C-alpha atoms as a PDB file:
ATOM      1  CA  MET A   1     112.810  96.430  77.992  1.00  0.00           C
ATOM      2  CA  PRO A   2     109.062  95.808  79.505  1.00  0.00           C
ATOM      3  CA  ILE A   3     108.144  97.598  82.527  1.00  0.00           C
ATOM      4  CA  GLU A   4     108.311  94.960  84.488  1.00  0.00           C
ATOM      5  CA  LEU A   5     111.626  94.203  83.708  1.00  0.00           C
ATOM      6  CA  GLN A   6     112.570  98.091  84.266  1.00  0.00           C
ATOM      7  CA  ALA A   7     111.214  97.964  87.397  1.00  0.00           C
ATOM      8  CA  LEU A   8     113.133  94.225  88.813  1.00  0.00           C
ATOM      9  CA  PHE A   9     116.108  96.660  87.617  1.00  0.00           C
ATOM     10  CA  GLY A  10     114.683  99.558  89.763  1.00  0.00           C
ATOM     11  CA  GLY A  11     114.764  96.950  92.394  1.00  0.00           C
ATOM     12  CA  ALA A  12     118.294  96.146  92.001  1.00  0.00           C
ATOM     13  CA  ALA A  13     119.288  99.216  92.033  1.00  0.00           C
ATOM     14  CA  ILE A  14     117.853 100.080  95.282  1.00  0.00           C
ATOM     15  CA  LEU A  15     119.669  97.271  96.554  1.00  0.00           C
ATOM     16  CA  LEU A  16     122.790  98.330  95.484  1.00  0.00           C
ATOM     17  CA  ILE A  17     122.470 102.156  96.420  1.00  0.00           C
ATOM     18  CA  LEU A  18     121.811 100.808  99.771  1.00  0.00           C
ATOM     19  CA  VAL A  19     124.782  98.086 100.071  1.00  0.00           C
ATOM     20  CA  SER A  20     126.734 100.836  99.327  1.00  0.00           C
ATOM     21  CA  ILE A  21     125.583 102.843 101.765  1.00  0.00           C
ATOM     22  CA  GLU A  22     125.661 100.685 104.067  1.00  0.00           C
ATOM     23  CA  GLY A  23     129.681  99.787 102.881  1.00  0.00           C
ATOM     24  CA  ALA A  24     130.553 103.403 103.210  1.00  0.00           C
ATOM     25  CA  ILE A  25     128.932 104.125 106.812  1.00  0.00           C
ATOM     26  CA  ILE A  26     130.611 101.308 108.747  1.00  0.00           C
ATOM     27  CA  PRO A  27     133.991 102.605 107.959  1.00  0.00           C
ATOM     28  CA  LEU A  28     132.903 106.168 109.318  1.00  0.00           C
ATOM     29  CA  THR A  29     131.328 104.920 112.416  1.00  0.00           C
ATOM     30  CA  HIS A  30     133.020 102.021 113.833  1.00  0.00           C
ATOM     31  CA  GLY A  31     137.029 103.292 112.363  1.00  0.00           C
ATOM     32  CA  PHE A  32     138.469 102.132 109.244  1.00  0.00           C
ATOM     33  CA  LYS A  33     141.053 100.003 110.697  1.00  0.00           C
ATOM     34  CA  TRP A  34     138.074  97.820 111.404  1.00  0.00           C
ATOM     35  CA  GLY A  35     135.541  98.892 108.922  1.00  0.00           C
ATOM     36  CA  LEU A  36     138.265  98.267 106.333  1.00  0.00           C
ATOM     37  CA  GLY A  37     139.757  94.606 108.230  1.00  0.00           C
ATOM     38  CA  PRO A  38     138.034  91.234 108.400  1.00  0.00           C
ATOM     39  CA  ARG A  39     135.972  92.411 111.625  1.00  0.00           C
ATOM     40  CA  ASP A  40     136.709  89.230 113.270  1.00  0.00           C
ATOM     41  CA  GLU A  41     135.372  91.579 116.061  1.00  0.00           C
ATOM     42  CA  ILE A  42     131.323  92.146 116.590  1.00  0.00           C
ATOM     43  CA  ARG A  43     130.756  95.696 117.277  1.00  0.00           C
ATOM     44  CA  THR A  44     127.246  97.448 117.624  1.00  0.00           C
ATOM     45  CA  PRO A  45     125.682  99.135 114.721  1.00  0.00           C
ATOM     46  CA  THR A  46     124.376 102.309 115.000  1.00  0.00           C
ATOM     47  CA  ALA A  47     120.979 103.211 115.091  1.00  0.00           C
ATOM     48  CA  VAL A  48     121.530 104.517 111.570  1.00  0.00           C
ATOM     49  CA  LEU A  49     123.283 101.532 110.415  1.00  0.00           C
ATOM     50  CA  GLY A  50     121.276  99.006 112.428  1.00  0.00           C
ATOM     51  CA  ARG A  51     118.000 100.431 110.374  1.00  0.00           C
ATOM     52  CA  ILE A  52     120.134  99.987 106.972  1.00  0.00           C
ATOM     53  CA  LYS A  53     120.623  96.325 107.817  1.00  0.00           C
ATOM     54  CA  ARG A  54     117.346  95.586 108.780  1.00  0.00           C
ATOM     55  CA  ILE A  55     116.295  97.399 104.926  1.00  0.00           C
ATOM     56  CA  ILE A  56     118.635  95.394 103.319  1.00  0.00           C
ATOM     57  CA  ALA A  57     117.037  91.977 104.869  1.00  0.00           C
ATOM     58  CA  ASN A  58     113.898  93.109 104.248  1.00  0.00           C
ATOM     59  CA  HIS A  59     114.092  94.045 100.544  1.00  0.00           C
ATOM     60  CA  LEU A  60     116.172  90.836 100.030  1.00  0.00           C
ATOM     61  CA  GLU A  61     113.020  89.558 101.024  1.00  0.00           C
ATOM     62  CA  ALA A  62     111.332  91.813  98.939  1.00  0.00           C
ATOM     63  CA  LEU A  63     113.183  90.654  95.388  1.00  0.00           C
ATOM     64  CA  ALA A  64     113.120  87.247  96.422  1.00  0.00           C
ATOM     65  CA  ILE A  65     109.588  87.365  95.660  1.00  0.00           C
ATOM     66  CA  PHE A  66     108.626  89.885  93.017  1.00  0.00           C
ATOM     67  CA  ALA A  67     112.029  88.772  90.611  1.00  0.00           C
ATOM     68  CA  PRO A  68     110.466  85.096  90.495  1.00  0.00           C
ATOM     69  CA  LEU A  69     106.979  86.483  89.542  1.00  0.00           C
ATOM     70  CA  VAL A  70     108.273  89.163  86.768  1.00  0.00           C
ATOM     71  CA  LEU A  71     110.554  86.415  85.478  1.00  0.00           C
ATOM     72  CA  ILE A  72     108.018  83.912  84.927  1.00  0.00           C
ATOM     73  CA  ALA A  73     105.576  86.815  83.434  1.00  0.00           C
ATOM     74  CA  ASN A  74     108.575  87.607  80.630  1.00  0.00           C
ATOM     75  CA  LEU A  75     109.022  84.027  80.265  1.00  0.00           C
ATOM     76  CA  ILE A  76     105.222  83.490  79.220  1.00  0.00           C
ATOM     77  CA  GLY A  77     105.155  86.530  77.443  1.00  0.00           C
ATOM     78  CA  LEU A  78     102.686  88.063  79.674  1.00  0.00           C
ATOM     79  CA  SER A  79     102.392  91.639  80.473  1.00  0.00           C
ATOM     80  CA  THR A  80      98.951  93.425  81.207  1.00  0.00           C
ATOM     81  CA  PRO A  81      98.012  96.998  82.689  1.00  0.00           C
ATOM     82  CA  LEU A  82      97.849  95.065  85.682  1.00  0.00           C
ATOM     83  CA  THR A  83     101.384  93.122  86.003  1.00  0.00           C
ATOM     84  CA  GLN A  84     102.733  97.074  85.209  1.00  0.00           C
ATOM     85  CA  TRP A  85     100.902  99.279  87.178  1.00  0.00           C
ATOM     86  CA  GLY A  86     102.228  96.377  89.942  1.00  0.00           C
ATOM     87  CA  ALA A  87     105.906  96.647  88.864  1.00  0.00           C
ATOM     88  CA  ILE A  88     105.656 100.560  89.522  1.00  0.00           C
ATOM     89  CA  ILE A  89     103.967 100.299  92.625  1.00  0.00           C
ATOM     90  CA  PHE A  90     106.518  97.520  93.932  1.00  0.00           C
ATOM     91  CA  VAL A  91     109.701  99.897  92.872  1.00  0.00           C
ATOM     92  CA  ALA A  92     107.548 103.058  94.222  1.00  0.00           C
ATOM     93  CA  GLY A  93     106.627 101.652  97.434  1.00  0.00           C
ATOM     94  CA  ARG A  94     109.842 100.061  98.472  1.00  0.00           C
ATOM     95  CA  GLY A  95     111.814 103.536  97.295  1.00  0.00           C
ATOM     96  CA  ALA A  96     108.975 105.296  99.654  1.00  0.00           C
ATOM     97  CA  PHE A  97     110.054 102.252 102.368  1.00  0.00           C
ATOM     98  CA  VAL A  98     113.606 103.057 102.302  1.00  0.00           C
ATOM     99  CA  ALA A  99     113.290 106.583 102.842  1.00  0.00           C
ATOM    100  CA  VAL A 100     110.980 106.485 105.469  1.00  0.00           C
ATOM    101  CA  TYR A 101     112.755 103.969 107.254  1.00  0.00           C
ATOM    102  CA  LEU A 102     116.061 105.397 107.043  1.00  0.00           C
ATOM    103  CA  ILE A 103     114.260 108.539 108.866  1.00  0.00           C
ATOM    104  CA  GLY A 104     112.409 105.996 111.161  1.00  0.00           C
ATOM    105  CA  VAL A 105     108.773 106.749 111.045  1.00  0.00           C
ATOM    106  CA  PRO A 106     107.024 103.668 112.450  1.00  0.00           C
ATOM    107  CA  VAL A 107     103.477 103.589 111.354  1.00  0.00           C
ATOM    108  CA  LEU A 108     103.834 105.038 108.150  1.00  0.00           C
ATOM    109  CA  ARG A 109     106.891 102.954 107.023  1.00  0.00           C
ATOM    110  CA  THR A 110     104.446  99.288 107.805  1.00  0.00           C
ATOM    111  CA  ALA A 111     102.010 101.335 105.509  1.00  0.00           C
ATOM    112  CA  VAL A 112     103.916 102.375 102.318  1.00  0.00           C
ATOM    113  CA  TRP A 113     105.672  98.385 102.846  1.00  0.00           C
ATOM    114  CA  SER A 114     102.130  97.489 101.963  1.00  0.00           C
ATOM    115  CA  VAL A 115     102.340  99.200  99.077  1.00  0.00           C
ATOM    116  CA  GLY A 116     105.562  97.437  97.557  1.00  0.00           C
ATOM    117  CA  PHE A 117     103.620  94.530  98.836  1.00  0.00           C
ATOM    118  CA  THR A 118     100.543  95.273  97.059  1.00  0.00           C
ATOM    119  CA  GLY A 119     103.060  95.495  93.769  1.00  0.00           C
ATOM    120  CA  THR A 120     103.618  92.139  94.266  1.00  0.00           C
ATOM    121  CA  LEU A 121     100.440  90.621  94.800  1.00  0.00           C
ATOM    122  CA  MET A 122      99.151  92.494  91.195  1.00  0.00           C
ATOM    123  CA  VAL A 123     102.219  90.647  89.132  1.00  0.00           C
ATOM    124  CA  GLY A 124     101.794  87.327  91.655  1.00  0.00           C
ATOM    125  CA  PHE A 125      97.979  87.661  90.882  1.00  0.00           C
ATOM    126  CA  GLU A 126      98.154  87.568  87.044  1.00  0.00           C
ATOM    127  CA  VAL A 127     101.101  85.208  86.981  1.00  0.00           C
ATOM    128  CA  PHE A 128      98.601  82.890  88.870  1.00  0.00           C
ATOM    129  CA  ARG A 129      95.895  83.764  86.377  1.00  0.00           C
ATOM    130  CA  ALA A 130      97.641  83.070  83.415  1.00  0.00           C
ATOM    131  CA  GLY A 131      98.489  79.626  84.557  1.00  0.00           C
ATOM    132  CA  PHE A 132      95.463  78.444  85.009  1.00  0.00           C
END
């Protein structure tokens, strides 16, 4: 499997882990009856749960840009050092983003977000270049 697709799998694995953590924390913080029920009553999330929800939303946005670029690159048989390193940088940056955001480091959080985004731009640049 190409490195780019492995990185896409890594991004999906990060999302799976985040959703699993969220699913485990909800009943622990809001009670099992509410957490395992229909959740019709609105409950204010704890600080950690709020962060996880924001991380998931941000990660979905990142994957919505990264995934099509990787899939297009794979469909046209494009795999260059730039797409490979971009994919690796994306996963590393996203993993670091999750960790830094969870512990609540504000400036570093933005810096590591930029690392993951740079990886996406690297893949996108090569896909764009191959189309012209």
